Amino acid sequence: MKFLIPIKRVPDPNVRIRVKADGSGRETEGLAFAINPLDLTALEEALRIRER
């Protein structure tokens, strides 16, 4: 059985996101990214199913 799990990279939820000084968006320099928590759960479940 094959699984396709789409994974999205999102800003780390434990890091405060800063807005650029001119207000045009968020400041991404030095910002840590992580896998979306819901995508991580889906990936773990797919691995459990495959191991069975």
C-alpha atoms as a PDB file:
ATOM      1  CA  MET A   1       0.000   0.000   0.000  1.00  0.00           C
ATOM      2  CA  LYS A   2       1.300   3.443  -0.911  1.00  0.00           C
ATOM      3  CA  PHE A   3       0.482   6.733   0.781  1.00  0.00           C
ATOM      4  CA  LEU A   4       0.881  10.289  -0.392  1.00  0.00           C
ATOM      5  CA  ILE A   5       1.111  12.731   2.513  1.00  0.00           C
ATOM      6  CA  PRO A   6       1.366  16.404   1.536  1.00  0.00           C
ATOM      7  CA  ILE A   7       3.489  18.324   4.035  1.00  0.00           C
ATOM      8  CA  LYS A   8       3.417  22.082   4.500  1.00  0.00           C
ATOM      9  CA  ARG A   9       6.229  24.069   6.080  1.00  0.00           C
ATOM     10  CA  VAL A  10       4.903  26.703   8.487  1.00  0.00           C
ATOM     11  CA  PRO A  11       6.533  29.139  10.922  1.00  0.00           C
ATOM     12  CA  ASP A  12       7.399  27.439  14.212  1.00  0.00           C
ATOM     13  CA  PRO A  13       4.412  27.946  16.559  1.00  0.00           C
ATOM     14  CA  ASN A  14       6.760  28.657  19.485  1.00  0.00           C
ATOM     15  CA  VAL A  15       8.372  31.662  17.760  1.00  0.00           C
ATOM     16  CA  ARG A  16       6.865  35.142  17.671  1.00  0.00           C
ATOM     17  CA  ILE A  17       6.370  36.406  14.107  1.00  0.00           C
ATOM     18  CA  ARG A  18       7.491  39.985  13.477  1.00  0.00           C
ATOM     19  CA  VAL A  19       5.941  42.389  10.970  1.00  0.00           C
ATOM     20  CA  LYS A  20       8.258  44.366   8.687  1.00  0.00           C
ATOM     21  CA  ALA A  21       8.788  48.008   9.631  1.00  0.00           C
ATOM     22  CA  ASP A  22       6.930  49.233   6.530  1.00  0.00           C
ATOM     23  CA  GLY A  23       3.985  46.884   7.228  1.00  0.00           C
ATOM     24  CA  SER A  24       4.310  45.062   3.889  1.00  0.00           C
ATOM     25  CA  GLY A  25       4.487  41.556   5.349  1.00  0.00           C
ATOM     26  CA  ARG A  26       6.265  39.394   7.879  1.00  0.00           C
ATOM     27  CA  GLU A  27       9.981  39.344   8.528  1.00  0.00           C
ATOM     28  CA  THR A  28      11.307  35.912   7.496  1.00  0.00           C
ATOM     29  CA  GLU A  29      15.022  36.347   8.173  1.00  0.00           C
ATOM     30  CA  GLY A  30      15.999  34.178  11.131  1.00  0.00           C
ATOM     31  CA  LEU A  31      12.471  32.742  11.379  1.00  0.00           C
ATOM     32  CA  ALA A  32      12.389  29.037  12.251  1.00  0.00           C
ATOM     33  CA  PHE A  33      10.096  26.780  10.242  1.00  0.00           C
ATOM     34  CA  ALA A  34       8.528  23.445  11.197  1.00  0.00           C
ATOM     35  CA  ILE A  35       6.185  20.860   9.695  1.00  0.00           C
ATOM     36  CA  ASN A  36       2.503  21.665  10.146  1.00  0.00           C
ATOM     37  CA  PRO A  37       1.395  19.707  13.279  1.00  0.00           C
ATOM     38  CA  LEU A  38      -1.612  18.176  11.504  1.00  0.00           C
ATOM     39  CA  ASP A  39       0.585  17.020   8.613  1.00  0.00           C
ATOM     40  CA  LEU A  40       2.996  15.468  11.100  1.00  0.00           C
ATOM     41  CA  THR A  41       0.125  13.521  12.679  1.00  0.00           C
ATOM     42  CA  ALA A  42      -0.954  12.241   9.249  1.00  0.00           C
ATOM     43  CA  LEU A  43       2.609  11.173   8.457  1.00  0.00           C
ATOM     44  CA  GLU A  44       2.939   9.287  11.751  1.00  0.00           C
ATOM     45  CA  GLU A  45      -0.358   7.486  11.163  1.00  0.00           C
ATOM     46  CA  ALA A  46       0.675   6.466   7.641  1.00  0.00           C
ATOM     47  CA  LEU A  47       3.924   5.027   9.024  1.00  0.00           C
ATOM     48  CA  ARG A  48       1.994   3.070  11.665  1.00  0.00           C
ATOM     49  CA  ILE A  49      -0.334   1.622   9.016  1.00  0.00           C
ATOM     50  CA  ARG A  50       2.619   0.639   6.820  1.00  0.00           C
ATOM     51  CA  GLU A  51       4.353  -1.139   9.717  1.00  0.00           C
ATOM     52  CA  ARG A  52       1.290  -3.343  10.373  1.00  0.00           C
END
